[in-house]
């Protein structure tokens, strides 16, 4: 290292060395601690990262309003609908309804009831016919529970099923679990 007089003392150091002035008229040795302090002082402040873009919340997928069946032959005489699950895909439910059971039917020994019905979904997607599978018990609270379940089913809306370019009726099984607590 060489010292040059002039306006204060300046030092020429080998390439890559950091020069630190310790005061007017005095130049100290350039040690490891001084180099580290000088390097950290000369570092640029870290660039701020751009704020992360918020991705829009994904909406729930909207069920298709049509289910396209295969190119099936027309319904044979005596049949009023295509069977869901075997002949055509089962149409998704677009609208449901709550089963409103009276307070008289609630409580007692029954805590919940599983009801199974065969329904016919017409060309517009509404339930046109409801058949109870098995025998319907006559003692209370069964008649009130069945009436409430059928009233709720009549409000259901399904996607239209298209067969050979036209809307077609579909028959399917519906099971309802009614909580009586």
N, C-alpha and C. Protein backbone atom coordinates (compact mmCIF):
# COMPACT_ATOMS: atom_id res chain seq x y z
N UNK A 1 0.85 -1.15 0.00
CA UNK A 1 0.00 0.00 0.00
C UNK A 1 0.90 1.22 0.00
N UNK A 2 0.56 2.21 -0.84
CA UNK A 2 1.35 3.44 -0.90
C UNK A 2 0.52 4.59 -0.36
N UNK A 3 1.20 5.56 0.25
CA UNK A 3 0.54 6.73 0.78
C UNK A 3 0.90 7.92 -0.09
N UNK A 4 -0.10 8.74 -0.44
CA UNK A 4 0.12 9.93 -1.25
C UNK A 4 -0.38 11.15 -0.49
N UNK A 5 0.50 12.15 -0.32
CA UNK A 5 0.05 13.37 0.34
C UNK A 5 -0.81 14.18 -0.59
N UNK A 6 -1.59 15.04 -0.10
CA UNK A 6 -2.48 15.89 -0.87
C UNK A 6 -3.50 16.43 0.08
N UNK A 7 -4.71 16.48 -0.34
CA UNK A 7 -5.77 16.87 0.57
C UNK A 7 -6.00 15.72 1.53
N UNK A 8 -5.39 15.74 2.63
CA UNK A 8 -5.47 14.62 3.55
C UNK A 8 -4.67 13.48 2.96
N UNK A 9 -4.63 12.44 3.61
CA UNK A 9 -3.87 11.31 3.15
C UNK A 9 -4.79 10.33 2.43
N UNK A 10 -4.32 9.82 1.34
CA UNK A 10 -5.08 8.82 0.59
C UNK A 10 -4.20 7.61 0.39
N UNK A 11 -4.78 6.53 0.31
CA UNK A 11 -3.99 5.32 0.13
C UNK A 11 -4.42 4.64 -1.16
N UNK A 12 -3.48 4.14 -1.87
CA UNK A 12 -3.77 3.30 -3.02
C UNK A 12 -3.61 1.87 -2.58
N UNK A 13 -4.58 1.13 -2.75
CA UNK A 13 -4.54 -0.25 -2.29
C UNK A 13 -4.60 -1.16 -3.49
N UNK A 14 -4.17 -2.39 -3.30
CA UNK A 14 -4.26 -3.33 -4.41
C UNK A 14 -5.72 -3.54 -4.82
N UNK A 15 -5.93 -3.99 -6.01
CA UNK A 15 -7.28 -4.19 -6.53
C UNK A 15 -8.04 -5.14 -5.62
N UNK A 16 -9.27 -4.81 -5.34
CA UNK A 16 -10.12 -5.65 -4.51
C UNK A 16 -10.07 -5.28 -3.05
N UNK A 17 -9.13 -4.44 -2.61
CA UNK A 17 -9.07 -4.06 -1.20
C UNK A 17 -9.98 -2.88 -0.97
N UNK A 18 -10.51 -2.77 0.21
CA UNK A 18 -11.41 -1.69 0.57
C UNK A 18 -10.62 -0.68 1.38
N UNK A 19 -10.75 0.61 1.06
CA UNK A 19 -10.03 1.65 1.77
C UNK A 19 -10.97 2.30 2.75
N UNK A 20 -10.55 2.43 3.97
CA UNK A 20 -11.34 3.05 5.00
C UNK A 20 -10.50 4.15 5.63
N UNK A 21 -11.02 5.33 5.71
CA UNK A 21 -10.31 6.44 6.33
C UNK A 21 -10.67 6.47 7.80
N UNK A 22 -9.67 6.48 8.66
CA UNK A 22 -9.92 6.46 10.10
C UNK A 22 -9.87 7.85 10.70
N UNK A 23 -9.61 8.84 9.94
CA UNK A 23 -9.54 10.20 10.45
C UNK A 23 -8.58 11.00 9.59
N UNK A 24 -8.52 12.31 9.81
CA UNK A 24 -7.66 13.17 9.00
C UNK A 24 -6.21 12.91 9.39
N UNK A 25 -5.39 12.66 8.44
CA UNK A 25 -3.98 12.49 8.67
C UNK A 25 -3.57 11.13 9.16
N UNK A 26 -4.51 10.21 9.34
CA UNK A 26 -4.11 8.89 9.82
C UNK A 26 -4.76 7.82 8.98
N UNK A 27 -3.99 6.89 8.56
CA UNK A 27 -4.53 5.76 7.82
C UNK A 27 -4.11 4.51 8.55
N UNK A 28 -5.08 3.74 8.92
CA UNK A 28 -4.79 2.54 9.68
C UNK A 28 -4.71 1.34 8.77
N UNK A 29 -4.36 0.23 9.33
CA UNK A 29 -4.28 -0.98 8.52
C UNK A 29 -5.67 -1.43 8.09
N UNK A 30 -5.71 -1.96 6.93
CA UNK A 30 -6.99 -2.44 6.40
C UNK A 30 -7.08 -3.90 6.79
N UNK A 31 -7.82 -4.17 7.88
CA UNK A 31 -7.93 -5.52 8.39
C UNK A 31 -9.22 -6.18 7.94
N UNK A 32 -9.40 -7.42 8.35
CA UNK A 32 -10.58 -8.20 7.96
C UNK A 32 -11.85 -7.58 8.51
N UNK A 33 -11.81 -7.11 9.77
CA UNK A 33 -13.00 -6.52 10.37
C UNK A 33 -13.38 -5.24 9.66
N UNK A 34 -12.39 -4.47 9.24
CA UNK A 34 -12.67 -3.22 8.54
C UNK A 34 -13.24 -3.50 7.16
N UNK A 35 -12.74 -4.53 6.51
CA UNK A 35 -13.26 -4.87 5.18
C UNK A 35 -14.73 -5.28 5.27
N UNK A 36 -15.06 -6.08 6.26
CA UNK A 36 -16.45 -6.53 6.42
C UNK A 36 -17.36 -5.36 6.69
N UNK A 37 -16.92 -4.44 7.56
CA UNK A 37 -17.74 -3.27 7.87
C UNK A 37 -17.93 -2.40 6.64
N UNK A 38 -16.88 -2.25 5.85
CA UNK A 38 -16.97 -1.43 4.65
C UNK A 38 -17.87 -2.08 3.60
N UNK A 39 -17.77 -3.40 3.47
CA UNK A 39 -18.59 -4.09 2.47
C UNK A 39 -20.07 -3.98 2.82
N UNK A 40 -20.39 -4.15 4.11
CA UNK A 40 -21.80 -4.06 4.49
C UNK A 40 -22.32 -2.65 4.34
N UNK A 41 -21.45 -1.64 4.53
CA UNK A 41 -21.89 -0.25 4.36
C UNK A 41 -22.12 0.07 2.90
N UNK A 42 -21.33 -0.55 2.00
CA UNK A 42 -21.46 -0.27 0.58
C UNK A 42 -22.56 -1.08 -0.11
N UNK A 43 -23.06 -2.11 0.56
CA UNK A 43 -24.11 -2.94 -0.06
C UNK A 43 -25.37 -2.12 -0.27
N UNK A 44 -26.02 -2.43 -1.33
CA UNK A 44 -27.30 -1.78 -1.59
C UNK A 44 -28.36 -2.43 -0.72
N UNK A 45 -29.35 -1.63 -0.37
CA UNK A 45 -30.47 -2.17 0.38
C UNK A 45 -31.16 -3.19 -0.52
N UNK A 46 -31.63 -4.30 0.05
CA UNK A 46 -32.29 -5.31 -0.79
C UNK A 46 -33.53 -4.72 -1.45
N UNK A 47 -33.69 -5.08 -2.70
CA UNK A 47 -34.84 -4.57 -3.46
C UNK A 47 -36.11 -5.15 -2.85
N UNK A 48 -37.09 -4.32 -2.75
CA UNK A 48 -38.37 -4.79 -2.22
C UNK A 48 -39.07 -5.61 -3.27
N UNK A 49 -39.60 -6.68 -2.79
CA UNK A 49 -40.34 -7.54 -3.71
C UNK A 49 -41.71 -6.94 -3.96
N UNK A 50 -42.17 -7.12 -5.18
CA UNK A 50 -43.51 -6.65 -5.51
C UNK A 50 -44.51 -7.46 -4.69
N UNK A 51 -45.56 -6.81 -4.21
CA UNK A 51 -46.55 -7.57 -3.43
C UNK A 51 -47.15 -8.69 -4.29
N UNK A 52 -47.38 -9.81 -3.64
CA UNK A 52 -47.93 -10.95 -4.35
C UNK A 52 -49.33 -10.61 -4.84
N UNK A 53 -49.58 -11.01 -6.05
CA UNK A 53 -50.91 -10.77 -6.61
C UNK A 53 -51.90 -11.72 -5.99
N UNK A 54 -53.02 -11.18 -5.66
CA UNK A 54 -54.07 -12.03 -5.10
C UNK A 54 -54.79 -12.69 -6.26
N UNK A 55 -54.87 -13.99 -6.18
CA UNK A 55 -55.62 -14.69 -7.21
C UNK A 55 -57.09 -14.64 -6.85
N UNK A 56 -57.93 -14.43 -7.81
CA UNK A 56 -59.36 -14.36 -7.49
C UNK A 56 -59.84 -15.70 -6.96
N UNK A 57 -60.75 -15.62 -6.01
CA UNK A 57 -61.30 -16.84 -5.42
C UNK A 57 -62.03 -17.63 -6.49
N UNK A 58 -61.78 -18.90 -6.50
CA UNK A 58 -62.44 -19.74 -7.50
C UNK A 58 -63.88 -19.95 -7.11
N UNK A 59 -64.71 -19.82 -8.08
CA UNK A 59 -66.13 -20.04 -7.83
C UNK A 59 -66.40 -21.53 -7.90
N UNK A 60 -67.46 -21.93 -7.22
CA UNK A 60 -67.84 -23.33 -7.27
C UNK A 60 -68.24 -23.66 -8.70
N UNK A 61 -67.88 -24.85 -9.16
CA UNK A 61 -68.26 -25.18 -10.53
C UNK A 61 -69.78 -25.27 -10.64
N UNK A 62 -70.29 -24.64 -11.67
CA UNK A 62 -71.72 -24.65 -11.90
C UNK A 62 -72.07 -25.94 -12.62
N UNK A 63 -73.02 -26.70 -12.07
CA UNK A 63 -73.36 -27.95 -12.75
C UNK A 63 -73.93 -27.67 -14.13
N UNK A 64 -73.67 -28.62 -15.01
CA UNK A 64 -74.20 -28.47 -16.37
C UNK A 64 -75.72 -28.47 -16.32
N UNK A 65 -76.31 -27.67 -17.18
CA UNK A 65 -77.76 -27.61 -17.20
C UNK A 65 -78.35 -28.64 -18.15
N UNK A 66 -77.45 -29.37 -18.81
CA UNK A 66 -77.91 -30.43 -19.70
C UNK A 66 -77.00 -31.63 -19.55
N UNK A 67 -77.58 -32.79 -19.59
CA UNK A 67 -76.83 -34.03 -19.61
C UNK A 67 -77.16 -34.67 -20.94
N UNK A 68 -76.14 -34.87 -21.74
CA UNK A 68 -76.37 -35.42 -23.06
C UNK A 68 -76.24 -36.93 -22.97
N UNK A 69 -77.30 -37.61 -23.32
CA UNK A 69 -77.29 -39.06 -23.33
C UNK A 69 -76.77 -39.58 -24.66
N UNK A 70 -76.61 -40.84 -24.73
CA UNK A 70 -76.14 -41.45 -25.96
C UNK A 70 -77.23 -41.39 -27.02
N UNK A 71 -76.86 -41.78 -28.19
CA UNK A 71 -77.83 -41.82 -29.27
C UNK A 71 -78.65 -43.09 -29.10
N UNK A 72 -79.63 -43.00 -28.18
CA UNK A 72 -80.44 -44.16 -27.82
C UNK A 72 -81.65 -44.27 -28.74
N UNK A 73 -82.18 -45.47 -28.87
CA UNK A 73 -83.42 -45.61 -29.63
C UNK A 73 -84.58 -45.00 -28.85
N UNK A 74 -85.67 -44.71 -29.51
CA UNK A 74 -86.83 -44.16 -28.79
C UNK A 74 -87.32 -45.15 -27.74
N UNK A 75 -88.05 -44.61 -26.76
CA UNK A 75 -88.57 -45.46 -25.70
C UNK A 75 -89.56 -46.47 -26.26
N UNK A 76 -89.48 -47.71 -25.80
CA UNK A 76 -90.44 -48.71 -26.27
C UNK A 76 -91.82 -48.42 -25.69
N UNK A 77 -92.86 -48.94 -26.30
CA UNK A 77 -94.20 -48.73 -25.75
C UNK A 77 -94.29 -49.33 -24.34
N UNK A 78 -94.96 -48.60 -23.46
CA UNK A 78 -95.12 -49.07 -22.09
C UNK A 78 -94.09 -48.46 -21.14
N UNK A 79 -93.03 -47.85 -21.65
CA UNK A 79 -92.04 -47.19 -20.79
C UNK A 79 -92.17 -45.70 -20.95
N UNK A 80 -92.09 -45.00 -19.82
CA UNK A 80 -92.27 -43.54 -19.88
C UNK A 80 -90.97 -42.77 -19.70
N UNK A 81 -89.85 -43.47 -19.34
CA UNK A 81 -88.61 -42.73 -19.09
C UNK A 81 -87.39 -43.64 -19.29
N UNK A 82 -86.24 -43.00 -19.49
CA UNK A 82 -84.96 -43.69 -19.55
C UNK A 82 -84.45 -43.90 -18.12
N UNK A 83 -83.77 -45.00 -17.87
CA UNK A 83 -83.23 -45.30 -16.54
C UNK A 83 -81.90 -44.58 -16.34
N UNK A 84 -81.81 -43.78 -15.26
CA UNK A 84 -80.57 -43.08 -14.94
C UNK A 84 -79.56 -44.07 -14.37
N UNK A 85 -78.33 -43.93 -14.79
CA UNK A 85 -77.27 -44.81 -14.31
C UNK A 85 -77.02 -46.00 -15.21
N UNK A 86 -78.03 -46.46 -15.93
CA UNK A 86 -77.84 -47.60 -16.83
C UNK A 86 -77.93 -47.16 -18.29
N UNK A 87 -78.99 -46.44 -18.64
CA UNK A 87 -79.17 -46.01 -20.03
C UNK A 87 -78.61 -44.61 -20.29
N UNK A 88 -78.82 -43.72 -19.35
CA UNK A 88 -78.32 -42.34 -19.46
C UNK A 88 -77.61 -41.98 -18.16
N UNK A 89 -76.70 -40.99 -18.20
CA UNK A 89 -76.06 -40.56 -16.96
C UNK A 89 -77.07 -39.92 -16.02
N UNK A 90 -76.81 -40.02 -14.72
CA UNK A 90 -77.72 -39.42 -13.74
C UNK A 90 -77.59 -37.90 -13.80
N UNK A 91 -78.71 -37.20 -13.95
CA UNK A 91 -78.62 -35.74 -14.04
C UNK A 91 -78.28 -35.12 -12.69
N UNK A 92 -77.45 -34.06 -12.67
CA UNK A 92 -77.13 -33.42 -11.39
C UNK A 92 -78.30 -32.59 -10.87
N UNK A 93 -78.37 -32.49 -9.55
CA UNK A 93 -79.43 -31.71 -8.90
C UNK A 93 -79.05 -30.24 -8.98
N UNK A 94 -79.93 -29.39 -9.49
CA UNK A 94 -79.68 -27.96 -9.58
C UNK A 94 -80.29 -27.21 -8.40
N UNK A 95 -81.41 -27.72 -7.88
CA UNK A 95 -82.09 -27.04 -6.77
C UNK A 95 -82.69 -28.10 -5.85
N UNK A 96 -82.50 -27.90 -4.54
CA UNK A 96 -83.08 -28.80 -3.55
C UNK A 96 -84.03 -28.01 -2.67
N UNK A 97 -84.68 -28.70 -1.76
CA UNK A 97 -85.59 -28.06 -0.82
C UNK A 97 -85.45 -28.75 0.54
N UNK A 98 -85.77 -28.01 1.58
CA UNK A 98 -85.70 -28.55 2.93
C UNK A 98 -86.97 -29.32 3.25
N UNK A 99 -86.81 -30.44 3.93
CA UNK A 99 -87.96 -31.24 4.35
C UNK A 99 -88.47 -30.66 5.65
N UNK A 100 -89.70 -30.16 5.63
CA UNK A 100 -90.28 -29.52 6.82
C UNK A 100 -91.24 -30.50 7.49
N UNK A 101 -90.76 -31.07 8.58
CA UNK A 101 -91.55 -32.05 9.34
C UNK A 101 -92.17 -31.33 10.52
N UNK A 102 -93.44 -31.62 10.79
CA UNK A 102 -94.14 -30.98 11.91
C UNK A 102 -93.53 -31.41 13.25
N UNK A 103 -93.79 -30.61 14.27
CA UNK A 103 -93.26 -30.91 15.60
C UNK A 103 -93.86 -32.19 16.18
N UNK A 104 -95.06 -32.54 15.76
CA UNK A 104 -95.70 -33.77 16.24
C UNK A 104 -94.91 -35.00 15.79
N UNK A 105 -94.34 -34.93 14.59
CA UNK A 105 -93.59 -36.07 14.05
C UNK A 105 -92.19 -36.15 14.65
N UNK A 106 -91.70 -35.06 15.20
CA UNK A 106 -90.36 -35.04 15.78
C UNK A 106 -90.37 -35.62 17.20
N UNK A 107 -89.18 -35.95 17.67
CA UNK A 107 -89.08 -36.50 19.02
C UNK A 107 -89.47 -37.96 19.03
N UNK A 108 -89.69 -38.47 20.19
CA UNK A 108 -90.06 -39.87 20.31
C UNK A 108 -88.87 -40.78 20.09
N UNK A 109 -89.15 -42.02 19.71
CA UNK A 109 -88.10 -43.02 19.56
C UNK A 109 -87.28 -42.83 18.29
N UNK A 110 -87.89 -42.24 17.26
CA UNK A 110 -87.18 -42.07 15.99
C UNK A 110 -86.25 -40.87 16.04
N UNK A 111 -85.00 -41.07 15.69
CA UNK A 111 -84.04 -39.97 15.63
C UNK A 111 -83.80 -39.52 14.19
N UNK A 112 -83.80 -40.47 13.26
CA UNK A 112 -83.66 -40.13 11.83
C UNK A 112 -84.31 -41.24 11.03
N UNK A 113 -84.66 -40.90 9.80
CA UNK A 113 -85.37 -41.84 8.94
C UNK A 113 -84.74 -41.77 7.55
N UNK A 114 -84.51 -42.92 6.94
CA UNK A 114 -84.03 -42.98 5.57
C UNK A 114 -85.20 -43.37 4.68
N UNK A 115 -85.55 -42.49 3.75
CA UNK A 115 -86.66 -42.74 2.84
C UNK A 115 -86.11 -42.90 1.43
N UNK A 116 -86.62 -43.87 0.69
CA UNK A 116 -86.17 -44.14 -0.67
C UNK A 116 -87.36 -44.05 -1.60
N UNK A 117 -87.19 -43.25 -2.65
CA UNK A 117 -88.27 -43.04 -3.63
C UNK A 117 -87.73 -43.26 -5.03
N UNK A 118 -88.63 -43.63 -5.94
CA UNK A 118 -88.32 -43.64 -7.36
C UNK A 118 -89.05 -42.45 -7.96
N UNK A 119 -88.30 -41.56 -8.59
CA UNK A 119 -88.90 -40.34 -9.14
C UNK A 119 -88.73 -40.31 -10.65
N UNK A 120 -89.64 -39.61 -11.29
CA UNK A 120 -89.55 -39.38 -12.73
C UNK A 120 -89.29 -37.91 -12.94
N UNK A 121 -88.16 -37.61 -13.59
CA UNK A 121 -87.81 -36.24 -13.92
C UNK A 121 -88.31 -35.99 -15.34
N UNK A 122 -89.17 -34.98 -15.49
CA UNK A 122 -89.75 -34.73 -16.82
C UNK A 122 -88.75 -34.01 -17.73
N UNK A 123 -89.20 -33.63 -18.91
CA UNK A 123 -88.33 -33.02 -19.91
C UNK A 123 -87.77 -31.67 -19.47
N UNK A 124 -88.48 -30.99 -18.57
CA UNK A 124 -88.01 -29.67 -18.12
C UNK A 124 -87.06 -29.76 -16.93
N UNK A 125 -86.91 -30.94 -16.32
CA UNK A 125 -86.02 -31.11 -15.18
C UNK A 125 -86.74 -31.14 -13.84
N UNK A 126 -88.05 -31.00 -13.84
CA UNK A 126 -88.84 -31.04 -12.60
C UNK A 126 -89.29 -32.47 -12.33
N UNK A 127 -89.53 -32.77 -11.07
CA UNK A 127 -90.02 -34.11 -10.71
C UNK A 127 -91.53 -34.14 -10.94
N UNK A 128 -91.95 -35.06 -11.79
CA UNK A 128 -93.38 -35.13 -12.12
C UNK A 128 -94.09 -36.26 -11.37
N UNK A 129 -93.35 -37.31 -11.03
CA UNK A 129 -93.98 -38.45 -10.38
C UNK A 129 -93.06 -38.99 -9.29
N UNK A 130 -93.64 -39.32 -8.12
CA UNK A 130 -92.87 -39.87 -7.00
C UNK A 130 -93.54 -41.18 -6.57
N UNK A 131 -92.75 -42.26 -6.55
CA UNK A 131 -93.26 -43.56 -6.09
C UNK A 131 -92.48 -43.97 -4.86
N UNK A 132 -93.20 -44.40 -3.83
CA UNK A 132 -92.55 -44.90 -2.61
C UNK A 132 -92.19 -46.36 -2.84
N UNK A 133 -90.96 -46.71 -2.52
CA UNK A 133 -90.55 -48.10 -2.65
C UNK A 133 -90.85 -48.82 -1.34
N UNK A 134 -91.50 -49.93 -1.44
CA UNK A 134 -91.89 -50.67 -0.24
C UNK A 134 -93.22 -50.18 0.28
N UNK A 135 -93.64 -50.76 1.39
CA UNK A 135 -94.92 -50.38 1.99
C UNK A 135 -94.75 -49.12 2.83
N UNK A 136 -95.79 -48.30 2.81
CA UNK A 136 -95.80 -47.10 3.66
C UNK A 136 -96.53 -47.45 4.94
N UNK A 137 -95.87 -47.30 6.08
CA UNK A 137 -96.55 -47.57 7.36
C UNK A 137 -97.70 -46.59 7.57
N UNK A 138 -98.74 -47.06 8.21
CA UNK A 138 -99.94 -46.24 8.43
C UNK A 138 -99.92 -45.50 9.76
N UNK A 139 -99.15 -45.98 10.74
CA UNK A 139 -99.16 -45.35 12.07
C UNK A 139 -98.32 -44.07 12.06
N UNK A 140 -98.72 -43.12 12.90
CA UNK A 140 -97.96 -41.87 12.99
C UNK A 140 -96.55 -42.15 13.51
N UNK A 141 -95.58 -41.42 13.16
CA UNK A 141 -95.51 -40.20 12.36
C UNK A 141 -95.21 -40.43 10.90
N UNK A 142 -95.30 -41.68 10.43
CA UNK A 142 -94.90 -41.99 9.07
C UNK A 142 -95.68 -41.24 8.00
N UNK A 143 -96.99 -41.13 8.05
CA UNK A 143 -97.68 -40.40 6.98
C UNK A 143 -97.23 -38.94 6.88
N UNK A 144 -97.00 -38.26 8.02
CA UNK A 144 -96.56 -36.86 7.99
C UNK A 144 -95.14 -36.75 7.41
N UNK A 145 -94.29 -37.71 7.74
CA UNK A 145 -92.91 -37.67 7.23
C UNK A 145 -92.90 -37.87 5.71
N UNK A 146 -93.69 -38.83 5.23
CA UNK A 146 -93.75 -39.09 3.78
C UNK A 146 -94.34 -37.89 3.03
N UNK A 147 -95.37 -37.29 3.57
CA UNK A 147 -95.97 -36.12 2.90
C UNK A 147 -94.99 -34.96 2.83
N UNK A 148 -94.24 -34.73 3.91
CA UNK A 148 -93.25 -33.66 3.92
C UNK A 148 -92.12 -33.95 2.93
N UNK A 149 -91.69 -35.21 2.84
CA UNK A 149 -90.62 -35.58 1.91
C UNK A 149 -91.07 -35.44 0.46
N UNK A 150 -92.28 -35.84 0.15
CA UNK A 150 -92.79 -35.72 -1.22
C UNK A 150 -92.99 -34.26 -1.59
N UNK A 151 -93.46 -33.44 -0.66
CA UNK A 151 -93.61 -32.00 -0.93
C UNK A 151 -92.24 -31.37 -1.22
N UNK A 152 -91.21 -31.78 -0.50
CA UNK A 152 -89.87 -31.25 -0.75
C UNK A 152 -89.33 -31.75 -2.10
N UNK A 153 -89.57 -33.01 -2.42
CA UNK A 153 -89.10 -33.55 -3.71
C UNK A 153 -89.73 -32.84 -4.89
N UNK A 154 -90.97 -32.43 -4.77
CA UNK A 154 -91.66 -31.74 -5.87
C UNK A 154 -91.00 -30.40 -6.19
N UNK A 155 -90.20 -29.85 -5.24
CA UNK A 155 -89.53 -28.58 -5.46
C UNK A 155 -88.12 -28.75 -6.05
N UNK A 156 -87.63 -30.00 -6.12
CA UNK A 156 -86.30 -30.25 -6.67
C UNK A 156 -86.27 -29.90 -8.16
N UNK A 157 -85.08 -29.51 -8.63
CA UNK A 157 -84.89 -29.22 -10.05
C UNK A 157 -83.62 -29.95 -10.49
N UNK A 158 -83.71 -30.70 -11.58
CA UNK A 158 -82.59 -31.44 -12.13
C UNK A 158 -82.20 -30.85 -13.48
N UNK A 159 -81.01 -31.18 -13.94
CA UNK A 159 -80.56 -30.77 -15.26
C UNK A 159 -81.35 -31.56 -16.30
N UNK A 160 -81.58 -30.92 -17.44
CA UNK A 160 -82.30 -31.60 -18.53
C UNK A 160 -81.41 -32.70 -19.11
N UNK A 161 -82.04 -33.78 -19.51
CA UNK A 161 -81.32 -34.87 -20.17
C UNK A 161 -81.71 -34.87 -21.63
N UNK A 162 -80.71 -34.80 -22.49
CA UNK A 162 -80.95 -34.73 -23.93
C UNK A 162 -80.60 -36.06 -24.57
N UNK A 163 -81.57 -36.64 -25.27
CA UNK A 163 -81.37 -37.88 -26.00
C UNK A 163 -81.81 -37.64 -27.43
N UNK A 164 -80.91 -37.91 -28.36
CA UNK A 164 -81.18 -37.74 -29.80
C UNK A 164 -81.60 -36.31 -30.12
N UNK A 165 -80.99 -35.33 -29.41
CA UNK A 165 -81.24 -33.93 -29.70
C UNK A 165 -82.46 -33.33 -29.04
N UNK A 166 -83.20 -34.10 -28.27
CA UNK A 166 -84.41 -33.58 -27.62
C UNK A 166 -84.39 -33.96 -26.13
N UNK A 167 -85.03 -33.13 -25.32
CA UNK A 167 -85.12 -33.42 -23.89
C UNK A 167 -85.94 -34.69 -23.68
N UNK A 168 -85.52 -35.50 -22.70
CA UNK A 168 -86.19 -36.77 -22.46
C UNK A 168 -86.42 -36.95 -20.97
N UNK A 169 -87.50 -37.66 -20.58
CA UNK A 169 -87.74 -37.93 -19.16
C UNK A 169 -86.78 -39.01 -18.65
N UNK A 170 -86.45 -38.92 -17.36
CA UNK A 170 -85.50 -39.85 -16.75
C UNK A 170 -86.09 -40.36 -15.44
N UNK A 171 -85.93 -41.66 -15.17
CA UNK A 171 -86.34 -42.25 -13.89
C UNK A 171 -85.09 -42.53 -13.07
N UNK A 172 -85.13 -42.16 -11.79
CA UNK A 172 -83.99 -42.42 -10.92
C UNK A 172 -84.44 -42.64 -9.49
N UNK A 173 -83.53 -43.21 -8.70
CA UNK A 173 -83.79 -43.48 -7.29
C UNK A 173 -83.24 -42.30 -6.48
N UNK A 174 -84.04 -41.86 -5.49
CA UNK A 174 -83.62 -40.77 -4.60
C UNK A 174 -83.77 -41.27 -3.17
N UNK A 175 -82.73 -41.09 -2.38
CA UNK A 175 -82.82 -41.45 -0.97
C UNK A 175 -82.67 -40.18 -0.16
N UNK A 176 -83.52 -40.02 0.84
CA UNK A 176 -83.52 -38.86 1.72
C UNK A 176 -83.31 -39.30 3.15
N UNK A 177 -82.39 -38.66 3.83
CA UNK A 177 -82.17 -38.93 5.25
C UNK A 177 -82.78 -37.77 6.02
N UNK A 178 -83.84 -38.05 6.76
CA UNK A 178 -84.59 -37.03 7.49
C UNK A 178 -84.19 -37.10 8.96
N UNK A 179 -83.70 -35.95 9.48
CA UNK A 179 -83.31 -35.85 10.89
C UNK A 179 -84.53 -35.41 11.69
N UNK A 180 -84.91 -36.20 12.69
CA UNK A 180 -86.11 -35.91 13.47
C UNK A 180 -85.80 -35.39 14.87
N UNK A 181 -84.56 -35.00 15.11
CA UNK A 181 -84.22 -34.46 16.43
C UNK A 181 -84.62 -33.03 16.57
